[in-house]
Protein backbone atom coordinates (compact mmCIF):
# COMPACT_ATOMS: atom_id res chain seq x y z
CA MET A 1 -4.34 52.47 68.56
CA LYS A 2 -1.90 50.58 66.63
CA GLY A 3 -4.44 47.78 65.39
CA SER A 4 -6.63 50.25 64.32
CA ARG A 5 -3.72 52.44 62.58
CA GLY A 6 -2.82 48.75 60.94
CA THR A 7 -6.13 48.12 60.02
CA ALA A 8 -6.68 51.47 58.55
CA LEU A 9 -3.89 51.55 57.01
CA SER A 10 -4.45 47.84 55.28
CA ALA A 11 -7.67 48.88 54.59
CA GLY A 12 -6.84 52.30 52.61
CA LEU A 13 -3.94 50.06 50.53
CA ALA A 14 -6.62 47.73 49.07
CA ALA A 15 -8.88 50.69 48.24
CA ALA A 16 -5.88 52.37 46.45
CA LEU A 17 -4.78 49.10 44.98
CA THR A 18 -8.95 48.33 43.61
CA LEU A 19 -8.62 52.03 42.50
CA MET A 20 -5.59 51.98 40.12
CA LEU A 21 -7.02 48.29 38.89
CA THR A 22 -10.20 49.57 37.74
CA ALA A 23 -8.70 52.75 36.44
CA CYS A 24 -6.37 51.45 33.81
CA GLY A 25 -9.64 49.77 32.47
CA VAL A 26 -9.48 45.71 33.87
CA PRO A 27 -12.93 45.35 34.77
CA PRO A 28 -13.29 43.29 37.88
CA SER A 29 -14.63 39.24 36.65
CA ASP A 30 -14.96 35.80 37.86
CA VAL A 31 -13.07 32.96 35.53
CA ILE A 32 -14.56 33.01 32.56
CA GLU A 33 -14.49 29.47 30.21
CA ALA A 34 -14.60 29.43 26.71
CA GLY A 35 -14.39 26.63 24.29
CA GLU A 36 -12.20 23.31 25.33
CA PRO A 37 -8.71 22.86 26.57
CA ALA A 38 -5.94 23.12 24.23
CA SER A 39 -5.07 19.50 22.20
CA VAL A 40 -2.13 18.58 20.62
CA VAL A 41 -2.70 18.96 17.02
CA ARG A 42 -2.53 15.54 15.00
CA HIS A 43 -1.63 15.04 11.46
CA PRO A 44 -3.95 12.66 9.69
CA SER A 45 -3.08 9.63 9.04
CA PRO A 46 -1.98 8.82 5.60
CA THR A 47 -4.96 7.80 3.34
CA PRO A 48 -4.85 4.02 2.17
CA SER A 49 -3.75 3.72 -1.28
CA VAL A 50 -5.49 3.81 -4.19
CA PRO A 51 -6.01 -0.02 -5.40
CA VAL A 52 -4.44 -0.51 -8.74
CA VAL A 53 -4.79 -3.32 -11.53
CA VAL A 54 -1.76 -5.42 -12.00
CA SER A 55 -1.75 -8.05 -14.56
CA LEU A 56 -1.59 -11.91 -12.79
CA TYR A 57 -0.27 -14.67 -15.62
CA PHE A 58 -2.25 -17.86 -15.67
CA LEU A 59 -2.87 -20.32 -18.25
CA ASP A 60 -5.70 -20.26 -20.40
CA ASP A 61 -5.91 -23.49 -22.30
CA GLY A 62 -2.11 -23.74 -21.96
CA ALA A 63 -1.30 -20.10 -23.18
CA LEU A 64 0.13 -17.39 -21.01
CA THR A 65 -3.06 -15.25 -20.09
CA ALA A 66 -3.21 -11.41 -18.39
CA TYR A 67 -5.79 -11.58 -15.60
CA PRO A 68 -6.33 -8.08 -14.20
CA ARG A 69 -6.11 -8.29 -10.58
CA PRO A 70 -6.83 -4.90 -7.72
CA VAL A 71 -3.48 -4.71 -5.25
CA GLY A 72 -3.17 -2.26 -2.91
CA ASP A 73 0.66 -1.73 -3.36
CA PRO A 74 2.19 -2.85 -6.84
CA GLY A 75 5.50 -1.91 -5.63
CA ASP A 76 4.95 -4.85 -2.91
CA LEU A 77 6.12 -7.39 -5.40
CA GLY A 78 6.52 -10.20 -2.57
CA SER A 79 2.66 -9.09 -2.19
CA VAL A 80 2.37 -9.86 -6.21
CA VAL A 81 4.25 -13.04 -5.99
CA ALA A 82 2.05 -14.16 -2.83
CA GLN A 83 -1.18 -13.33 -5.21
CA LEU A 84 0.30 -15.94 -8.06
CA PHE A 85 1.32 -18.44 -5.99
CA GLY A 86 -2.41 -18.39 -4.77
CA GLY A 87 -3.75 -19.15 -7.73
CA PRO A 88 -6.69 -18.31 -9.85
CA THR A 89 -9.74 -17.05 -7.98
CA THR A 90 -13.21 -18.67 -8.05
CA GLU A 91 -14.27 -16.19 -11.05
CA GLU A 92 -10.88 -16.45 -12.56
CA ALA A 93 -10.39 -20.31 -12.24
CA VAL A 94 -13.37 -20.51 -14.92
CA THR A 95 -10.95 -20.30 -17.71
CA ALA A 96 -7.70 -20.07 -15.98
CA THR A 97 -5.50 -22.48 -14.68
CA THR A 98 -1.90 -22.48 -13.02
CA GLU A 99 1.45 -24.82 -13.15
CA LEU A 100 2.70 -22.68 -10.03
CA PRO A 101 2.30 -24.88 -7.03
CA ARG A 102 0.46 -23.68 -3.70
CA LEU A 103 3.20 -23.01 -1.21
CA THR A 104 2.77 -23.18 2.68
CA ASP A 105 4.83 -20.32 3.36
CA THR A 106 5.52 -16.85 1.46
CA PRO A 107 8.35 -16.55 -1.04
CA ASP A 108 10.78 -13.92 -0.65
CA VAL A 109 10.96 -11.53 -3.43
CA THR A 110 13.84 -9.29 -3.89
CA ALA A 111 14.79 -6.99 -6.80
CA ASP A 112 17.71 -5.20 -8.24
CA SER A 113 18.56 -2.74 -10.45
CA SER A 114 19.70 -4.96 -13.20
CA ASN A 115 16.04 -5.70 -14.02
CA LEU A 116 16.70 -9.12 -11.94
CA VAL A 117 13.88 -10.41 -9.31
CA SER A 118 14.99 -13.16 -7.67
CA VAL A 119 12.39 -15.52 -5.79
CA LYS A 120 13.42 -17.96 -2.76
CA LEU A 121 10.73 -20.27 -2.47
CA PRO A 122 9.88 -22.05 1.42
CA GLN A 123 11.90 -25.54 1.44
CA GLY A 124 10.88 -28.66 -0.28
CA VAL A 125 9.20 -27.07 -3.22
CA ALA A 126 10.02 -29.22 -6.23
CA ARG A 127 11.67 -27.80 -9.61
CA LEU A 128 9.17 -25.51 -11.65
CA SER A 129 7.91 -25.97 -15.16
CA ARG A 130 8.81 -23.89 -17.73
CA PRO A 131 5.02 -22.63 -18.16
CA ALA A 132 5.42 -22.02 -14.20
CA MET A 133 8.37 -19.84 -15.19
CA LEU A 134 6.90 -17.51 -17.29
CA GLN A 135 3.73 -17.00 -15.47
CA LEU A 136 6.11 -15.75 -12.54
CA ALA A 137 8.50 -14.16 -15.14
CA CYS A 138 5.97 -12.00 -17.08
CA THR A 139 3.90 -11.19 -13.87
CA VAL A 140 6.90 -9.79 -12.19
CA ALA A 141 7.90 -7.51 -15.17
CA HIS A 142 4.35 -6.46 -15.71
CA ALA A 143 4.03 -5.84 -11.97
CA SER A 144 7.22 -3.62 -12.17
CA GLY A 145 5.89 -0.76 -14.47
CA PRO A 146 3.69 2.48 -14.32
CA PHE A 147 0.30 1.51 -12.71
CA THR A 148 -3.31 2.99 -13.46
CA ALA A 149 -6.28 3.64 -10.37
CA LEU A 150 -8.48 1.04 -10.09
CA PRO A 151 -11.57 2.60 -12.27
CA ALA A 152 -14.92 3.11 -10.39
CA ASP A 153 -16.55 0.85 -12.81
CA ALA A 154 -13.81 -1.70 -12.81
CA GLN A 155 -16.39 -4.42 -11.85
CA ARG A 156 -18.01 -5.67 -15.23
CA ASN A 157 -19.88 -9.02 -14.90
CA GLY A 158 -17.59 -10.23 -12.03
CA ALA A 159 -14.16 -9.41 -14.07
CA LEU A 160 -12.16 -6.81 -13.92
CA ALA A 161 -11.62 -4.23 -16.67
CA THR A 162 -8.06 -4.17 -18.20
CA PRO A 163 -5.99 -1.15 -17.19
CA PRO A 164 -5.48 1.44 -20.25
CA VAL A 165 -2.47 0.35 -22.85
CA ASP A 166 -0.97 3.59 -21.70
CA ALA A 167 -0.30 2.58 -18.59
CA GLN A 168 1.34 -0.82 -19.07
CA ARG A 169 4.70 -0.96 -20.44
CA SER A 170 6.95 -3.96 -22.02
CA PRO A 171 8.44 -6.08 -19.69
CA ALA A 172 11.54 -5.80 -21.70
CA HIS A 173 15.01 -7.31 -20.16
CA THR A 174 13.30 -8.31 -16.75
CA SER A 175 14.34 -11.88 -15.52
CA VAL A 176 13.39 -13.89 -12.76
CA GLN A 177 15.58 -15.87 -11.05
CA VAL A 178 13.88 -18.88 -8.66
CA LEU A 179 15.65 -20.55 -5.96
CA GLY A 180 14.36 -23.59 -4.56
CA SER A 181 15.75 -26.31 -2.27
CA GLY A 182 19.23 -27.39 -4.24
CA TRP A 183 17.98 -25.90 -7.53
CA THR A 184 17.84 -22.51 -9.14
CA MET A 185 16.41 -21.31 -12.40
CA THR A 186 16.29 -18.31 -14.14
CA GLN A 187 13.62 -17.18 -16.85
CA SER A 188 13.47 -14.17 -18.89
CA ALA A 189 10.41 -11.83 -20.02
CA ASP A 190 11.53 -11.29 -23.32
CA SER A 191 9.09 -13.89 -24.58
CA CYS A 192 5.81 -12.66 -22.69
CA PRO A 193 2.52 -12.00 -24.22
CA ASP A 194 1.58 -8.26 -24.97
CA LEU A 195 -0.71 -7.52 -22.56
CA PRO A 196 -4.14 -7.40 -23.83
CA GLN A 197 -6.16 -4.06 -25.14
CA PRO A 198 -8.98 -3.09 -23.82
């Protein structure tokens, strides 16, 4: 009798429990799958910077001339200087030459708050000529100012359009100090030509 009494008691408790759960409005159900498992929210990567135009100074029949060139980060003067030392592109070389030597290694470029930009050249580079120093000083001076985004129609007949004048500034009071193997030269950008009008 004890076994049947325990079984009856268990059955009664189970019935009471079922009655209580259904009485409070919770219907019995199977596992319900809805959607995908939760995932970690990731912030999108920063969008790549919009290319902007800076003026690299090359020589056109010996005269300093600004050649607009797109760059990803104009605030990275090291990249701008490396492009200048890389020389004119094939399209630019139709009219542009350079007095700057081709470098075997990237120069170290630093800027301070007094408008002095220092360029340390790799070992073994000879003293730079005055036109080479002016190319460097003018490029750095104009690459330090406000920039303009590269317009959609920037490519006209294979050449880049010049940025609007209001996006450019005077290179006033910028100087470049070039440090070579056993020599140092400084050049002011005060004698740089104005950027061309669009």
